[in-house]
Amino acid sequence: MKILFDQGTPVPLRKLLPSHSIATAYELGWDRLKNGELLKAAEEAGYEILVTTDAGLQYQQNLAERKIAIVVLRSTSWPKIQRKIPEIIAAIESVSPHGYIEVPI
């Protein structure tokens, strides 16, 4: 799958998803895009999943019309996220197109 990590998503998580193609918003020069612009750019570039730590995204954007699936990590703390790796991988593997999953951390 083609996955985009939003600002705040710990980059070390990338190493734990070796079968996926992963880029960060920063690497693509999208780190200054607002949420709606970022979602649009990601969809136009063919990204299937956005991994973000922005828990307010579902309230800030109309996600019903989006093609990209969204996985929200409820923390930016890498030590806390490391304890939930199996749940995060399961969420990424199971999220459906247009889907939205929050991983409590």
N, C-alpha and C. Protein backbone atom coordinates (compact mmCIF):
# COMPACT_ATOMS: atom_id res chain seq x y z
N MET A 1 0.83 -1.18 0.00
CA MET A 1 0.00 0.00 0.00
C MET A 1 0.88 1.25 0.00
N LYS A 2 0.35 2.28 -0.52
CA LYS A 2 1.04 3.57 -0.56
C LYS A 2 0.52 4.40 0.62
N ILE A 3 1.41 4.67 1.57
CA ILE A 3 1.04 5.30 2.84
C ILE A 3 1.76 6.63 2.99
N LEU A 4 1.02 7.63 3.48
CA LEU A 4 1.58 8.94 3.79
C LEU A 4 1.57 9.15 5.29
N PHE A 5 2.71 9.52 5.85
CA PHE A 5 2.79 9.90 7.26
C PHE A 5 2.65 11.41 7.35
N ASP A 6 1.68 11.87 8.11
CA ASP A 6 1.47 13.29 8.37
C ASP A 6 2.52 13.78 9.36
N GLN A 7 2.62 15.10 9.50
CA GLN A 7 3.50 15.68 10.52
C GLN A 7 3.09 15.11 11.88
N GLY A 8 4.05 14.77 12.69
CA GLY A 8 3.75 14.25 14.02
C GLY A 8 3.77 12.73 14.08
N THR A 9 3.63 12.06 12.96
CA THR A 9 3.71 10.60 12.95
C THR A 9 5.18 10.22 13.03
N PRO A 10 5.56 9.47 14.06
CA PRO A 10 6.98 9.14 14.23
C PRO A 10 7.53 8.33 13.04
N VAL A 11 8.58 8.84 12.43
CA VAL A 11 9.18 8.21 11.26
C VAL A 11 9.71 6.80 11.55
N PRO A 12 10.20 6.47 12.76
CA PRO A 12 10.66 5.10 13.00
C PRO A 12 9.59 4.04 12.76
N LEU A 13 8.35 4.44 12.76
CA LEU A 13 7.26 3.49 12.48
C LEU A 13 7.40 2.92 11.07
N ARG A 14 8.01 3.66 10.19
CA ARG A 14 8.21 3.24 8.80
C ARG A 14 8.93 1.89 8.72
N LYS A 15 9.94 1.70 9.56
CA LYS A 15 10.73 0.47 9.52
C LYS A 15 9.90 -0.76 9.88
N LEU A 16 8.80 -0.57 10.56
CA LEU A 16 7.96 -1.68 10.98
C LEU A 16 6.90 -2.03 9.95
N LEU A 17 6.90 -1.32 8.82
CA LEU A 17 5.94 -1.57 7.74
C LEU A 17 6.70 -1.75 6.42
N PRO A 18 7.62 -2.72 6.38
CA PRO A 18 8.50 -2.84 5.21
C PRO A 18 7.81 -3.21 3.90
N SER A 19 6.63 -3.77 3.97
CA SER A 19 5.95 -4.19 2.73
C SER A 19 5.14 -3.06 2.10
N HIS A 20 5.20 -1.87 2.69
CA HIS A 20 4.45 -0.73 2.18
C HIS A 20 5.39 0.35 1.66
N SER A 21 4.87 1.16 0.75
CA SER A 21 5.61 2.32 0.25
C SER A 21 5.19 3.52 1.09
N ILE A 22 6.13 4.08 1.85
CA ILE A 22 5.80 5.13 2.81
C ILE A 22 6.61 6.39 2.52
N ALA A 23 5.91 7.52 2.55
CA ALA A 23 6.55 8.83 2.45
C ALA A 23 5.99 9.69 3.56
N THR A 24 6.72 10.74 3.89
CA THR A 24 6.23 11.69 4.89
C THR A 24 5.81 12.97 4.18
N ALA A 25 4.91 13.69 4.81
CA ALA A 25 4.50 14.98 4.27
C ALA A 25 5.71 15.90 4.12
N TYR A 26 6.62 15.82 5.05
CA TYR A 26 7.83 16.65 5.00
C TYR A 26 8.68 16.31 3.77
N GLU A 27 8.90 15.03 3.54
CA GLU A 27 9.71 14.60 2.39
C GLU A 27 9.13 15.08 1.06
N LEU A 28 7.82 15.14 0.99
CA LEU A 28 7.15 15.55 -0.25
C LEU A 28 6.97 17.06 -0.37
N GLY A 29 7.39 17.79 0.67
CA GLY A 29 7.20 19.23 0.67
C GLY A 29 5.78 19.65 0.98
N TRP A 30 5.03 18.74 1.59
CA TRP A 30 3.62 18.98 1.92
C TRP A 30 3.42 19.33 3.39
N ASP A 31 4.49 19.56 4.12
CA ASP A 31 4.39 19.78 5.56
C ASP A 31 3.69 21.08 5.91
N ARG A 32 3.53 21.98 4.96
CA ARG A 32 2.84 23.25 5.25
C ARG A 32 1.40 23.26 4.75
N LEU A 33 0.98 22.18 4.11
CA LEU A 33 -0.40 22.12 3.61
C LEU A 33 -1.37 21.95 4.77
N LYS A 34 -2.49 22.62 4.68
CA LYS A 34 -3.56 22.45 5.67
C LYS A 34 -4.21 21.09 5.43
N ASN A 35 -5.00 20.62 6.40
CA ASN A 35 -5.57 19.28 6.32
C ASN A 35 -6.30 18.97 5.02
N GLY A 36 -7.20 19.84 4.61
CA GLY A 36 -7.95 19.60 3.38
C GLY A 36 -7.04 19.55 2.16
N GLU A 37 -6.06 20.45 2.13
CA GLU A 37 -5.11 20.48 1.01
C GLU A 37 -4.23 19.24 1.02
N LEU A 38 -3.83 18.80 2.21
CA LEU A 38 -2.99 17.62 2.33
C LEU A 38 -3.75 16.38 1.87
N LEU A 39 -4.99 16.25 2.29
CA LEU A 39 -5.79 15.10 1.88
C LEU A 39 -5.97 15.07 0.36
N LYS A 40 -6.23 16.22 -0.21
CA LYS A 40 -6.41 16.31 -1.66
C LYS A 40 -5.12 15.94 -2.39
N ALA A 41 -4.00 16.49 -1.96
CA ALA A 41 -2.71 16.19 -2.58
C ALA A 41 -2.38 14.71 -2.47
N ALA A 42 -2.64 14.12 -1.31
CA ALA A 42 -2.35 12.70 -1.10
C ALA A 42 -3.21 11.83 -2.01
N GLU A 43 -4.47 12.16 -2.12
CA GLU A 43 -5.36 11.39 -3.00
C GLU A 43 -4.93 11.52 -4.46
N GLU A 44 -4.60 12.72 -4.88
CA GLU A 44 -4.18 12.94 -6.26
C GLU A 44 -2.87 12.21 -6.58
N ALA A 45 -2.03 12.01 -5.57
CA ALA A 45 -0.76 11.31 -5.76
C ALA A 45 -0.90 9.80 -5.59
N GLY A 46 -2.11 9.33 -5.32
CA GLY A 46 -2.35 7.90 -5.23
C GLY A 46 -2.11 7.26 -3.88
N TYR A 47 -2.00 8.07 -2.84
CA TYR A 47 -1.83 7.49 -1.50
C TYR A 47 -3.14 6.86 -1.06
N GLU A 48 -3.03 5.69 -0.45
CA GLU A 48 -4.20 4.93 -0.02
C GLU A 48 -4.54 5.16 1.45
N ILE A 49 -3.50 5.46 2.26
CA ILE A 49 -3.70 5.63 3.69
C ILE A 49 -2.90 6.84 4.18
N LEU A 50 -3.53 7.63 5.02
CA LEU A 50 -2.85 8.70 5.74
C LEU A 50 -2.75 8.27 7.20
N VAL A 51 -1.53 8.25 7.74
CA VAL A 51 -1.34 7.98 9.16
C VAL A 51 -1.03 9.33 9.80
N THR A 52 -1.84 9.71 10.77
CA THR A 52 -1.73 11.03 11.37
C THR A 52 -1.90 10.94 12.89
N THR A 53 -1.49 11.98 13.57
CA THR A 53 -1.71 12.08 15.01
C THR A 53 -2.75 13.15 15.30
N ASP A 54 -3.36 13.68 14.27
CA ASP A 54 -4.36 14.76 14.40
C ASP A 54 -5.73 14.16 14.72
N ALA A 55 -6.03 14.05 15.99
CA ALA A 55 -7.30 13.46 16.43
C ALA A 55 -8.50 14.32 16.07
N GLY A 56 -8.28 15.58 15.75
CA GLY A 56 -9.38 16.46 15.40
C GLY A 56 -9.72 16.44 13.92
N LEU A 57 -9.00 15.67 13.14
CA LEU A 57 -9.20 15.66 11.70
C LEU A 57 -10.63 15.33 11.30
N GLN A 58 -11.24 14.38 11.97
CA GLN A 58 -12.60 13.99 11.61
C GLN A 58 -13.62 15.11 11.87
N TYR A 59 -13.27 16.04 12.74
CA TYR A 59 -14.17 17.15 13.04
C TYR A 59 -13.88 18.37 12.17
N GLN A 60 -12.66 18.43 11.63
CA GLN A 60 -12.24 19.58 10.83
C GLN A 60 -12.54 19.39 9.35
N GLN A 61 -12.68 18.14 8.93
CA GLN A 61 -12.86 17.83 7.51
C GLN A 61 -14.07 16.94 7.28
N ASN A 62 -14.69 17.08 6.12
CA ASN A 62 -15.74 16.15 5.71
C ASN A 62 -15.05 14.95 5.09
N LEU A 63 -14.92 13.87 5.84
CA LEU A 63 -14.18 12.71 5.39
C LEU A 63 -15.03 11.76 4.55
N ALA A 64 -16.32 11.97 4.53
CA ALA A 64 -17.22 11.07 3.80
C ALA A 64 -16.92 11.04 2.31
N GLU A 65 -16.42 12.13 1.77
CA GLU A 65 -16.17 12.19 0.33
C GLU A 65 -14.73 11.86 -0.04
N ARG A 66 -13.93 11.53 0.93
CA ARG A 66 -12.52 11.24 0.70
C ARG A 66 -12.30 9.80 0.24
N LYS A 67 -11.33 9.62 -0.65
CA LYS A 67 -10.95 8.28 -1.11
C LYS A 67 -9.94 7.64 -0.17
N ILE A 68 -9.09 8.47 0.42
CA ILE A 68 -7.99 7.98 1.25
C ILE A 68 -8.52 7.49 2.60
N ALA A 69 -7.95 6.38 3.07
CA ALA A 69 -8.27 5.88 4.41
C ALA A 69 -7.39 6.63 5.41
N ILE A 70 -7.90 6.77 6.63
CA ILE A 70 -7.17 7.52 7.65
C ILE A 70 -7.02 6.67 8.91
N VAL A 71 -5.77 6.60 9.38
CA VAL A 71 -5.46 5.92 10.65
C VAL A 71 -4.90 6.99 11.57
N VAL A 72 -5.58 7.19 12.70
CA VAL A 72 -5.18 8.22 13.66
C VAL A 72 -4.52 7.56 14.87
N LEU A 73 -3.30 7.99 15.15
CA LEU A 73 -2.61 7.56 16.36
C LEU A 73 -2.87 8.63 17.41
N ARG A 74 -3.39 8.23 18.55
CA ARG A 74 -3.81 9.20 19.55
C ARG A 74 -2.66 9.70 20.43
N SER A 75 -1.45 9.69 19.90
CA SER A 75 -0.29 10.22 20.61
C SER A 75 0.83 10.47 19.60
N THR A 76 1.72 11.38 19.93
CA THR A 76 2.92 11.60 19.11
C THR A 76 4.15 11.01 19.79
N SER A 77 3.99 10.46 20.97
CA SER A 77 5.11 9.94 21.75
C SER A 77 5.57 8.58 21.21
N TRP A 78 6.79 8.54 20.68
CA TRP A 78 7.31 7.29 20.14
C TRP A 78 7.38 6.19 21.20
N PRO A 79 7.83 6.43 22.43
CA PRO A 79 7.81 5.36 23.43
C PRO A 79 6.41 4.78 23.67
N LYS A 80 5.40 5.63 23.69
CA LYS A 80 4.02 5.14 23.88
C LYS A 80 3.54 4.40 22.64
N ILE A 81 3.86 4.93 21.48
CA ILE A 81 3.44 4.30 20.22
C ILE A 81 4.08 2.92 20.08
N GLN A 82 5.33 2.78 20.49
CA GLN A 82 6.02 1.49 20.39
C GLN A 82 5.27 0.38 21.11
N ARG A 83 4.61 0.72 22.19
CA ARG A 83 3.86 -0.29 22.96
C ARG A 83 2.60 -0.75 22.23
N LYS A 84 2.18 0.00 21.22
CA LYS A 84 0.94 -0.32 20.49
C LYS A 84 1.19 -0.74 19.04
N ILE A 85 2.41 -1.13 18.73
CA ILE A 85 2.76 -1.49 17.35
C ILE A 85 1.83 -2.55 16.77
N PRO A 86 1.54 -3.64 17.47
CA PRO A 86 0.63 -4.64 16.86
C PRO A 86 -0.74 -4.05 16.50
N GLU A 87 -1.28 -3.18 17.37
CA GLU A 87 -2.57 -2.57 17.10
C GLU A 87 -2.50 -1.60 15.90
N ILE A 88 -1.37 -0.89 15.80
CA ILE A 88 -1.20 0.05 14.69
C ILE A 88 -1.09 -0.70 13.37
N ILE A 89 -0.28 -1.75 13.35
CA ILE A 89 -0.14 -2.54 12.13
C ILE A 89 -1.48 -3.16 11.75
N ALA A 90 -2.22 -3.67 12.72
CA ALA A 90 -3.53 -4.26 12.45
C ALA A 90 -4.48 -3.21 11.87
N ALA A 91 -4.44 -2.00 12.39
CA ALA A 91 -5.31 -0.92 11.88
C ALA A 91 -4.95 -0.59 10.44
N ILE A 92 -3.66 -0.48 10.15
CA ILE A 92 -3.22 -0.16 8.79
C ILE A 92 -3.61 -1.28 7.82
N GLU A 93 -3.45 -2.50 8.25
CA GLU A 93 -3.77 -3.64 7.38
C GLU A 93 -5.27 -3.82 7.17
N SER A 94 -6.06 -3.38 8.12
CA SER A 94 -7.50 -3.65 8.03
C SER A 94 -8.36 -2.47 7.58
N VAL A 95 -7.81 -1.26 7.57
CA VAL A 95 -8.64 -0.10 7.22
C VAL A 95 -9.07 -0.22 5.77
N SER A 96 -10.33 0.06 5.56
CA SER A 96 -10.88 -0.03 4.20
C SER A 96 -10.74 1.30 3.49
N PRO A 97 -10.80 1.29 2.15
CA PRO A 97 -10.79 2.56 1.44
C PRO A 97 -11.90 3.46 1.99
N HIS A 98 -11.64 4.72 2.13
CA HIS A 98 -12.56 5.69 2.71
C HIS A 98 -12.73 5.50 4.21
N GLY A 99 -12.00 4.56 4.81
CA GLY A 99 -12.18 4.22 6.22
C GLY A 99 -11.48 5.18 7.16
N TYR A 100 -11.84 5.06 8.42
CA TYR A 100 -11.27 5.90 9.48
C TYR A 100 -11.13 5.01 10.72
N ILE A 101 -9.91 4.92 11.24
CA ILE A 101 -9.66 4.14 12.45
C ILE A 101 -8.80 4.96 13.39
N GLU A 102 -9.17 4.99 14.66
CA GLU A 102 -8.34 5.62 15.69
C GLU A 102 -7.71 4.51 16.52
N VAL A 103 -6.42 4.65 16.77
CA VAL A 103 -5.70 3.70 17.62
C VAL A 103 -5.43 4.41 18.94
N PRO A 104 -6.12 4.00 20.01
CA PRO A 104 -5.90 4.65 21.31
C PRO A 104 -4.50 4.30 21.85
N ILE A 105 -3.81 5.34 22.28
CA ILE A 105 -2.45 5.12 22.80
C ILE A 105 -2.34 5.82 24.14
